PDB file of N, CA and C in Angstrom:
ATOM      1  N   UNK A   1       0.841  -1.181   0.000  1.00  0.00           N
ATOM      2  CA  UNK A   1       0.000   0.000   0.000  1.00  0.00           C
ATOM      3  C   UNK A   1       0.886   1.244   0.000  1.00  0.00           C
ATOM      4  N   UNK A   2       0.556   2.192  -0.867  1.00  0.00           N
ATOM      5  CA  UNK A   2       1.312   3.431  -1.002  1.00  0.00           C
ATOM      6  C   UNK A   2       0.959   4.384   0.130  1.00  0.00           C
ATOM      7  N   UNK A   3       1.973   4.919   0.791  1.00  0.00           N
ATOM      8  CA  UNK A   3       1.741   5.853   1.893  1.00  0.00           C
ATOM      9  C   UNK A   3       2.454   7.165   1.601  1.00  0.00           C
ATOM     10  N   UNK A   4       2.132   8.177   2.377  1.00  0.00           N
ATOM     11  CA  UNK A   4       2.767   9.478   2.220  1.00  0.00           C
ATOM     12  C   UNK A   4       4.268   9.381   2.474  1.00  0.00           C
ATOM     13  N   UNK A   5       4.661   8.522   3.414  1.00  0.00           N
ATOM     14  CA  UNK A   5       6.090   8.350   3.708  1.00  0.00           C
ATOM     15  C   UNK A   5       6.842   7.757   2.525  1.00  0.00           C
ATOM     16  N   UNK A   6       6.215   6.845   1.822  1.00  0.00           N
ATOM     17  CA  UNK A   6       6.833   6.256   0.628  1.00  0.00           C
ATOM     18  C   UNK A   6       7.051   7.339  -0.423  1.00  0.00           C
ATOM     19  N   UNK A   7       6.055   8.158  -0.616  1.00  0.00           N
ATOM     20  CA  UNK A   7       6.145   9.242  -1.595  1.00  0.00           C
ATOM     21  C   UNK A   7       7.216  10.243  -1.189  1.00  0.00           C
ATOM     22  N   UNK A   8       7.244  10.614   0.087  1.00  0.00           N
ATOM     23  CA  UNK A   8       8.247  11.564   0.571  1.00  0.00           C
ATOM     24  C   UNK A   8       9.668  11.026   0.414  1.00  0.00           C
ATOM     25  N   UNK A   9       9.841   9.735   0.634  1.00  0.00           N
ATOM     26  CA  UNK A   9      11.173   9.130   0.452  1.00  0.00           C
ATOM     27  C   UNK A   9      11.623   9.258  -1.000  1.00  0.00           C
ATOM     28  N   UNK A  10      10.699   9.080  -1.917  1.00  0.00           N
ATOM     29  CA  UNK A  10      11.024   9.221  -3.342  1.00  0.00           C
ATOM     30  C   UNK A  10      11.308  10.680  -3.695  1.00  0.00           C
ATOM     31  N   UNK A  11      10.564  11.584  -3.096  1.00  0.00           N
ATOM     32  CA  UNK A  11      10.716  12.997  -3.409  1.00  0.00           C
ATOM     33  C   UNK A  11      12.060  13.550  -2.953  1.00  0.00           C
ATOM     34  N   UNK A  12      12.630  12.984  -1.913  1.00  0.00           N
ATOM     35  CA  UNK A  12      13.919  13.507  -1.431  1.00  0.00           C
ATOM     36  C   UNK A  12      15.037  13.284  -2.435  1.00  0.00           C
ATOM     37  N   UNK A  13      14.822  12.392  -3.382  1.00  0.00           N
ATOM     38  CA  UNK A  13      15.838  12.123  -4.404  1.00  0.00           C
ATOM     39  C   UNK A  13      15.679  12.964  -5.666  1.00  0.00           C
ATOM     40  N   UNK A  14      14.660  13.808  -5.690  1.00  0.00           N
ATOM     41  CA  UNK A  14      14.444  14.670  -6.855  1.00  0.00           C
ATOM     42  C   UNK A  14      15.563  15.710  -6.893  1.00  0.00           C
ATOM     43  N   UNK A  15      16.193  15.900  -8.057  1.00  0.00           N
ATOM     44  CA  UNK A  15      17.261  16.898  -8.168  1.00  0.00           C
ATOM     45  C   UNK A  15      16.746  18.306  -7.850  1.00  0.00           C
ATOM     46  N   UNK A  16      17.589  19.103  -7.264  1.00  0.00           N
ATOM     47  CA  UNK A  16      17.220  20.450  -6.839  1.00  0.00           C
ATOM     48  C   UNK A  16      16.668  21.279  -7.996  1.00  0.00           C
ATOM     49  N   UNK A  17      17.242  21.125  -9.170  1.00  0.00           N
ATOM     50  CA  UNK A  17      16.793  21.926 -10.312  1.00  0.00           C
ATOM     51  C   UNK A  17      15.404  21.509 -10.828  1.00  0.00           C
ATOM     52  N   UNK A  18      14.849  20.441 -10.304  1.00  0.00           N
ATOM     53  CA  UNK A  18      13.514  19.997 -10.718  1.00  0.00           C
ATOM     54  C   UNK A  18      12.462  20.204  -9.627  1.00  0.00           C
ATOM     55  N   UNK A  19      12.861  20.790  -8.491  1.00  0.00           N
ATOM     56  CA  UNK A  19      11.934  20.956  -7.381  1.00  0.00           C
ATOM     57  C   UNK A  19      10.768  21.883  -7.717  1.00  0.00           C
ATOM     58  N   UNK A  20      11.039  22.938  -8.458  1.00  0.00           N
ATOM     59  CA  UNK A  20       9.961  23.854  -8.853  1.00  0.00           C
ATOM     60  C   UNK A  20       8.927  23.116  -9.695  1.00  0.00           C
ATOM     61  N   UNK A  21       9.389  22.309 -10.614  1.00  0.00           N
ATOM     62  CA  UNK A  21       8.489  21.524 -11.464  1.00  0.00           C
ATOM     63  C   UNK A  21       7.663  20.543 -10.618  1.00  0.00           C
ATOM     64  N   UNK A  22       8.321  19.912  -9.652  1.00  0.00           N
ATOM     65  CA  UNK A  22       7.623  18.990  -8.750  1.00  0.00           C
ATOM     66  C   UNK A  22       6.571  19.724  -7.937  1.00  0.00           C
ATOM     67  N   UNK A  23       6.947  20.883  -7.420  1.00  0.00           N
ATOM     68  CA  UNK A  23       6.010  21.674  -6.630  1.00  0.00           C
ATOM     69  C   UNK A  23       4.784  22.051  -7.461  1.00  0.00           C
ATOM     70  N   UNK A  24       5.007  22.506  -8.682  1.00  0.00           N
ATOM     71  CA  UNK A  24       3.890  22.896  -9.538  1.00  0.00           C
ATOM     72  C   UNK A  24       2.976  21.704  -9.838  1.00  0.00           C
ATOM     73  N   UNK A  25       3.594  20.541 -10.048  1.00  0.00           N
ATOM     74  CA  UNK A  25       2.790  19.345 -10.305  1.00  0.00           C
ATOM     75  C   UNK A  25       1.946  18.979  -9.090  1.00  0.00           C
ATOM     76  N   UNK A  26       2.571  18.943  -7.928  1.00  0.00           N
ATOM     77  CA  UNK A  26       1.839  18.611  -6.705  1.00  0.00           C
ATOM     78  C   UNK A  26       0.750  19.643  -6.457  1.00  0.00           C
ATOM     79  N   UNK A  27       1.073  20.892  -6.679  1.00  0.00           N
ATOM     80  CA  UNK A  27       0.103  21.964  -6.497  1.00  0.00           C
ATOM     81  C   UNK A  27      -1.079  21.811  -7.451  1.00  0.00           C
ATOM     82  N   UNK A  28      -0.832  21.329  -8.650  1.00  0.00           N
ATOM     83  CA  UNK A  28      -1.913  21.143  -9.617  1.00  0.00           C
ATOM     84  C   UNK A  28      -2.879  20.041  -9.188  1.00  0.00           C
ATOM     85  N   UNK A  29      -2.431  19.158  -8.313  1.00  0.00           N
ATOM     86  CA  UNK A  29      -3.277  18.070  -7.837  1.00  0.00           C
ATOM     87  C   UNK A  29      -4.142  18.478  -6.641  1.00  0.00           C
ATOM     88  N   UNK A  30      -3.826  19.625  -6.063  1.00  0.00           N
ATOM     89  CA  UNK A  30      -4.557  20.112  -4.897  1.00  0.00           C
ATOM     90  C   UNK A  30      -5.935  20.588  -5.329  1.00  0.00           C
ATOM     91  N   UNK A  31      -6.965  20.257  -4.561  1.00  0.00           N
ATOM     92  CA  UNK A  31      -8.314  20.723  -4.921  1.00  0.00           C
ATOM     93  C   UNK A  31      -8.366  22.248  -5.017  1.00  0.00           C
ATOM     94  N   UNK A  32      -9.111  22.749  -5.988  1.00  0.00           N
ATOM     95  CA  UNK A  32      -9.199  24.191  -6.229  1.00  0.00           C
ATOM     96  C   UNK A  32      -9.801  24.930  -5.045  1.00  0.00           C
ATOM     97  N   UNK A  33     -10.650  24.281  -4.280  1.00  0.00           N
ATOM     98  CA  UNK A  33     -11.259  24.965  -3.137  1.00  0.00           C
ATOM     99  C   UNK A  33     -10.197  25.357  -2.117  1.00  0.00           C
ATOM    100  N   UNK A  34      -9.158  24.555  -1.989  1.00  0.00           N
ATOM    101  CA  UNK A  34      -8.082  24.898  -1.055  1.00  0.00           C
ATOM    102  C   UNK A  34      -7.353  26.139  -1.553  1.00  0.00           C
ATOM    103  N   UNK A  35      -7.108  26.220  -2.877  1.00  0.00           N
ATOM    104  CA  UNK A  35      -6.468  27.396  -3.455  1.00  0.00           C
ATOM    105  C   UNK A  35      -7.320  28.634  -3.201  1.00  0.00           C
ATOM    106  N   UNK A  36      -8.628  28.490  -3.376  1.00  0.00           N
ATOM    107  CA  UNK A  36      -9.541  29.605  -3.176  1.00  0.00           C
ATOM    108  C   UNK A  36      -9.514  30.072  -1.731  1.00  0.00           C
ATOM    109  N   UNK A  37      -9.507  29.135  -0.796  1.00  0.00           N
ATOM    110  CA  UNK A  37      -9.476  29.488   0.619  1.00  0.00           C
ATOM    111  C   UNK A  37      -8.177  30.204   0.968  1.00  0.00           C
ATOM    112  N   UNK A  38      -7.067  29.723   0.447  1.00  0.00           N
ATOM    113  CA  UNK A  38      -5.778  30.347   0.715  1.00  0.00           C
ATOM    114  C   UNK A  38      -5.757  31.770   0.178  1.00  0.00           C
ATOM    115  N   UNK A  39      -6.221  31.951  -1.048  1.00  0.00           N
ATOM    116  CA  UNK A  39      -6.275  33.275  -1.645  1.00  0.00           C
ATOM    117  C   UNK A  39      -7.208  34.181  -0.854  1.00  0.00           C
ATOM    118  N   UNK A  40      -8.343  33.653  -0.446  1.00  0.00           N
ATOM    119  CA  UNK A  40      -9.311  34.428   0.339  1.00  0.00           C
ATOM    120  C   UNK A  40      -8.666  34.906   1.636  1.00  0.00           C
ATOM    121  N   UNK A  41      -7.935  34.027   2.315  1.00  0.00           N
ATOM    122  CA  UNK A  41      -7.279  34.397   3.568  1.00  0.00           C
ATOM    123  C   UNK A  41      -6.233  35.486   3.338  1.00  0.00           C
ATOM    124  N   UNK A  42      -5.482  35.366   2.233  1.00  0.00           N
ATOM    125  CA  UNK A  42      -4.475  36.383   1.923  1.00  0.00           C
ATOM    126  C   UNK A  42      -5.128  37.739   1.680  1.00  0.00           C
ATOM    127  N   UNK A  43      -6.216  37.734   0.923  1.00  0.00           N
ATOM    128  CA  UNK A  43      -6.909  38.985   0.614  1.00  0.00           C
ATOM    129  C   UNK A  43      -7.499  39.589   1.883  1.00  0.00           C
ATOM    130  N   UNK A  44      -8.150  38.774   2.700  1.00  0.00           N
ATOM    131  CA  UNK A  44      -8.778  39.275   3.917  1.00  0.00           C
ATOM    132  C   UNK A  44      -7.759  39.758   4.943  1.00  0.00           C
ATOM    133  N   UNK A  45      -6.526  39.289   4.842  1.00  0.00           N
ATOM    134  CA  UNK A  45      -5.505  39.727   5.801  1.00  0.00           C
ATOM    135  C   UNK A  45      -5.219  41.221   5.661  1.00  0.00           C
ATOM    136  N   UNK A  46      -5.598  41.815   4.521  1.00  0.00           N
ATOM    137  CA  UNK A  46      -5.394  43.251   4.317  1.00  0.00           C
ATOM    138  C   UNK A  46      -6.554  44.083   4.863  1.00  0.00           C
ATOM    139  N   UNK A  47      -7.606  43.433   5.305  1.00  0.00           N
ATOM    140  CA  UNK A  47      -8.761  44.143   5.833  1.00  0.00           C
ATOM    141  C   UNK A  47      -8.379  45.023   7.016  1.00  0.00           C
ATOM    142  N   UNK A  48      -8.832  46.262   6.981  1.00  0.00           N
ATOM    143  CA  UNK A  48      -8.561  47.186   8.073  1.00  0.00           C
ATOM    144  C   UNK A  48      -7.177  47.795   8.058  1.00  0.00           C
ATOM    145  N   UNK A  49      -6.426  47.551   6.999  1.00  0.00           N
ATOM    146  CA  UNK A  49      -5.050  48.043   6.949  1.00  0.00           C
ATOM    147  C   UNK A  49      -4.992  49.572   6.963  1.00  0.00           C
ATOM    148  N   UNK A  50      -6.047  50.234   6.495  1.00  0.00           N
ATOM    149  CA  UNK A  50      -6.069  51.697   6.460  1.00  0.00           C
ATOM    150  C   UNK A  50      -6.870  52.288   7.621  1.00  0.00           C
ATOM    151  N   UNK A  51      -7.278  51.470   8.565  1.00  0.00           N
ATOM    152  CA  UNK A  51      -8.166  51.942   9.632  1.00  0.00           C
ATOM    153  C   UNK A  51      -7.524  52.992  10.536  1.00  0.00           C
ATOM    154  N   UNK A  52      -6.202  53.007  10.640  1.00  0.00           N
ATOM    155  CA  UNK A  52      -5.555  53.989  11.505  1.00  0.00           C
ATOM    156  C   UNK A  52      -5.212  55.288  10.761  1.00  0.00           C
ATOM    157  N   UNK A  53      -5.577  55.351   9.473  1.00  0.00           N
ATOM    158  CA  UNK A  53      -5.279  56.530   8.660  1.00  0.00           C
ATOM    159  C   UNK A  53      -6.456  57.507   8.738  1.00  0.00           C
ATOM    160  N   UNK A  54      -6.161  58.785   8.921  1.00  0.00           N
ATOM    161  CA  UNK A  54      -7.264  59.751   8.973  1.00  0.00           C
ATOM    162  C   UNK A  54      -7.843  59.948   7.575  1.00  0.00           C
ATOM    163  N   UNK A  55      -9.039  60.534   7.501  1.00  0.00           N
ATOM    164  CA  UNK A  55      -9.760  60.669   6.225  1.00  0.00           C
ATOM    165  C   UNK A  55      -8.987  61.480   5.195  1.00  0.00           C
ATOM    166  N   UNK A  56      -8.343  62.546   5.625  1.00  0.00           N
ATOM    167  CA  UNK A  56      -7.597  63.392   4.692  1.00  0.00           C
ATOM    168  C   UNK A  56      -6.453  62.617   4.058  1.00  0.00           C
ATOM    169  N   UNK A  57      -5.682  61.892   4.870  1.00  0.00           N
ATOM    170  CA  UNK A  57      -4.572  61.097   4.345  1.00  0.00           C
ATOM    171  C   UNK A  57      -5.067  59.981   3.432  1.00  0.00           C
ATOM    172  N   UNK A  58      -6.197  59.367   3.808  1.00  0.00           N
ATOM    173  CA  UNK A  58      -6.758  58.304   2.999  1.00  0.00           C
ATOM    174  C   UNK A  58      -7.214  58.836   1.637  1.00  0.00           C
ATOM    175  N   UNK A  59      -7.868  59.966   1.616  1.00  0.00           N
ATOM    176  CA  UNK A  59      -8.292  60.583   0.353  1.00  0.00           C
ATOM    177  C   UNK A  59      -7.081  60.927  -0.504  1.00  0.00           C
ATOM    178  N   UNK A  60      -6.027  61.455   0.126  1.00  0.00           N
ATOM    179  CA  UNK A  60      -4.797  61.778  -0.597  1.00  0.00           C
ATOM    180  C   UNK A  60      -4.180  60.510  -1.199  1.00  0.00           C
ATOM    181  N   UNK A  61      -4.199  59.442  -0.430  1.00  0.00           N
ATOM    182  CA  UNK A  61      -3.692  58.152  -0.915  1.00  0.00           C
ATOM    183  C   UNK A  61      -4.502  57.679  -2.124  1.00  0.00           C
ATOM    184  N   UNK A  62      -5.823  57.738  -2.022  1.00  0.00           N
ATOM    185  CA  UNK A  62      -6.671  57.294  -3.131  1.00  0.00           C
ATOM    186  C   UNK A  62      -6.439  58.135  -4.383  1.00  0.00           C
ATOM    187  N   UNK A  63      -6.296  59.455  -4.220  1.00  0.00           N
ATOM    188  CA  UNK A  63      -6.033  60.323  -5.375  1.00  0.00           C
ATOM    189  C   UNK A  63      -4.687  59.994  -6.013  1.00  0.00           C
ATOM    190  N   UNK A  64      -3.694  59.761  -5.183  1.00  0.00           N
ATOM    191  CA  UNK A  64      -2.367  59.404  -5.699  1.00  0.00           C
ATOM    192  C   UNK A  64      -2.418  58.066  -6.434  1.00  0.00           C
ATOM    193  N   UNK A  65      -3.132  57.106  -5.860  1.00  0.00           N
ATOM    194  CA  UNK A  65      -3.280  55.796  -6.482  1.00  0.00           C
ATOM    195  C   UNK A  65      -3.976  55.910  -7.839  1.00  0.00           C
ATOM    196  N   UNK A  66      -5.051  56.687  -7.883  1.00  0.00           N
ATOM    197  CA  UNK A  66      -5.781  56.880  -9.135  1.00  0.00           C
ATOM    198  C   UNK A  66      -4.891  57.540 -10.182  1.00  0.00           C
ATOM    199  N   UNK A  67      -4.156  58.548  -9.781  1.00  0.00           N
ATOM    200  CA  UNK A  67      -3.250  59.251 -10.688  1.00  0.00           C
ATOM    201  C   UNK A  67      -2.166  58.316 -11.225  1.00  0.00           C
ATOM    202  N   UNK A  68      -1.606  57.528 -10.337  1.00  0.00           N
ATOM    203  CA  UNK A  68      -0.549  56.583 -10.744  1.00  0.00           C
ATOM    204  C   UNK A  68      -1.082  55.553 -11.731  1.00  0.00           C
ATOM    205  N   UNK A  69      -2.276  55.044 -11.460  1.00  0.00           N
ATOM    206  CA  UNK A  69      -2.880  54.056 -12.364  1.00  0.00           C
ATOM    207  C   UNK A  69      -3.131  54.661 -13.739  1.00  0.00           C
ATOM    208  N   UNK A  70      -3.627  55.886 -13.752  1.00  0.00           N
ATOM    209  CA  UNK A  70      -3.893  56.535 -15.043  1.00  0.00           C
ATOM    210  C   UNK A  70      -2.606  56.715 -15.825  1.00  0.00           C
ATOM    211  N   UNK A  71      -1.529  57.093 -15.169  1.00  0.00           N
ATOM    212  CA  UNK A  71      -0.246  57.266 -15.854  1.00  0.00           C
ATOM    213  C   UNK A  71       0.263  55.950 -16.419  1.00  0.00           C
ATOM    214  N   UNK A  72       0.075  54.895 -15.670  1.00  0.00           N
ATOM    215  CA  UNK A  72       0.596  53.590 -16.090  1.00  0.00           C
ATOM    216  C   UNK A  72      -0.242  52.980 -17.203  1.00  0.00           C
ATOM    217  N   UNK A  73      -1.570  53.011 -17.036  1.00  0.00           N
ATOM    218  CA  UNK A  73      -2.438  52.267 -17.943  1.00  0.00           C
ATOM    219  C   UNK A  73      -3.038  53.085 -19.081  1.00  0.00           C
ATOM    220  N   UNK A  74      -2.952  54.394 -19.036  1.00  0.00           N
ATOM    221  CA  UNK A  74      -3.506  55.223 -20.104  1.00  0.00           C
ATOM    222  C   UNK A  74      -2.385  55.832 -20.942  1.00  0.00           C
ATOM    223  N   UNK A  75      -1.559  55.004 -21.472  1.00  0.00           N
ATOM    224  CA  UNK A  75      -0.470  55.497 -22.304  1.00  0.00           C
ATOM    225  C   UNK A  75      -0.493  54.756 -23.640  1.00  0.00           C
ATOM    226  N   UNK A  76       0.021  55.415 -24.640  1.00  0.00           N
ATOM    227  CA  UNK A  76       0.078  54.784 -25.965  1.00  0.00           C
ATOM    228  C   UNK A  76       1.340  53.945 -26.054  1.00  0.00           C
ATOM    229  N   UNK A  77       1.151  52.756 -26.526  1.00  0.00           N
ATOM    230  CA  UNK A  77       2.270  51.830 -26.682  1.00  0.00           C
ATOM    231  C   UNK A  77       2.397  51.474 -28.151  1.00  0.00           C
ATOM    232  N   UNK A  78       3.532  51.758 -28.738  1.00  0.00           N
ATOM    233  CA  UNK A  78       3.768  51.407 -30.123  1.00  0.00           C
ATOM    234  C   UNK A  78       4.360  50.006 -30.193  1.00  0.00           C
ATOM    235  N   UNK A  79       3.689  49.167 -30.924  1.00  0.00           N
ATOM    236  CA  UNK A  79       4.153  47.780 -31.074  1.00  0.00           C
ATOM    237  C   UNK A  79       4.772  47.588 -32.430  1.00  0.00           C
TER     238      UNK A  79
END
């Protein structure tokens, strides 16, 4: 019977330059709901990050962010 320990013993022999490929493969086998939960937790960890900022500073931040986005994304690119 195949066990996690058997698999781990085999994995320790994987060459270092192939570990990223192994990780991506193992990750592809993980149920998508786990990926969604992990992403959700990461996103929610930013909740309240601006709560200690006063309204004036927050408005200034939002204006700066909007201005920066417009500069980056509203430009002509010659291909």
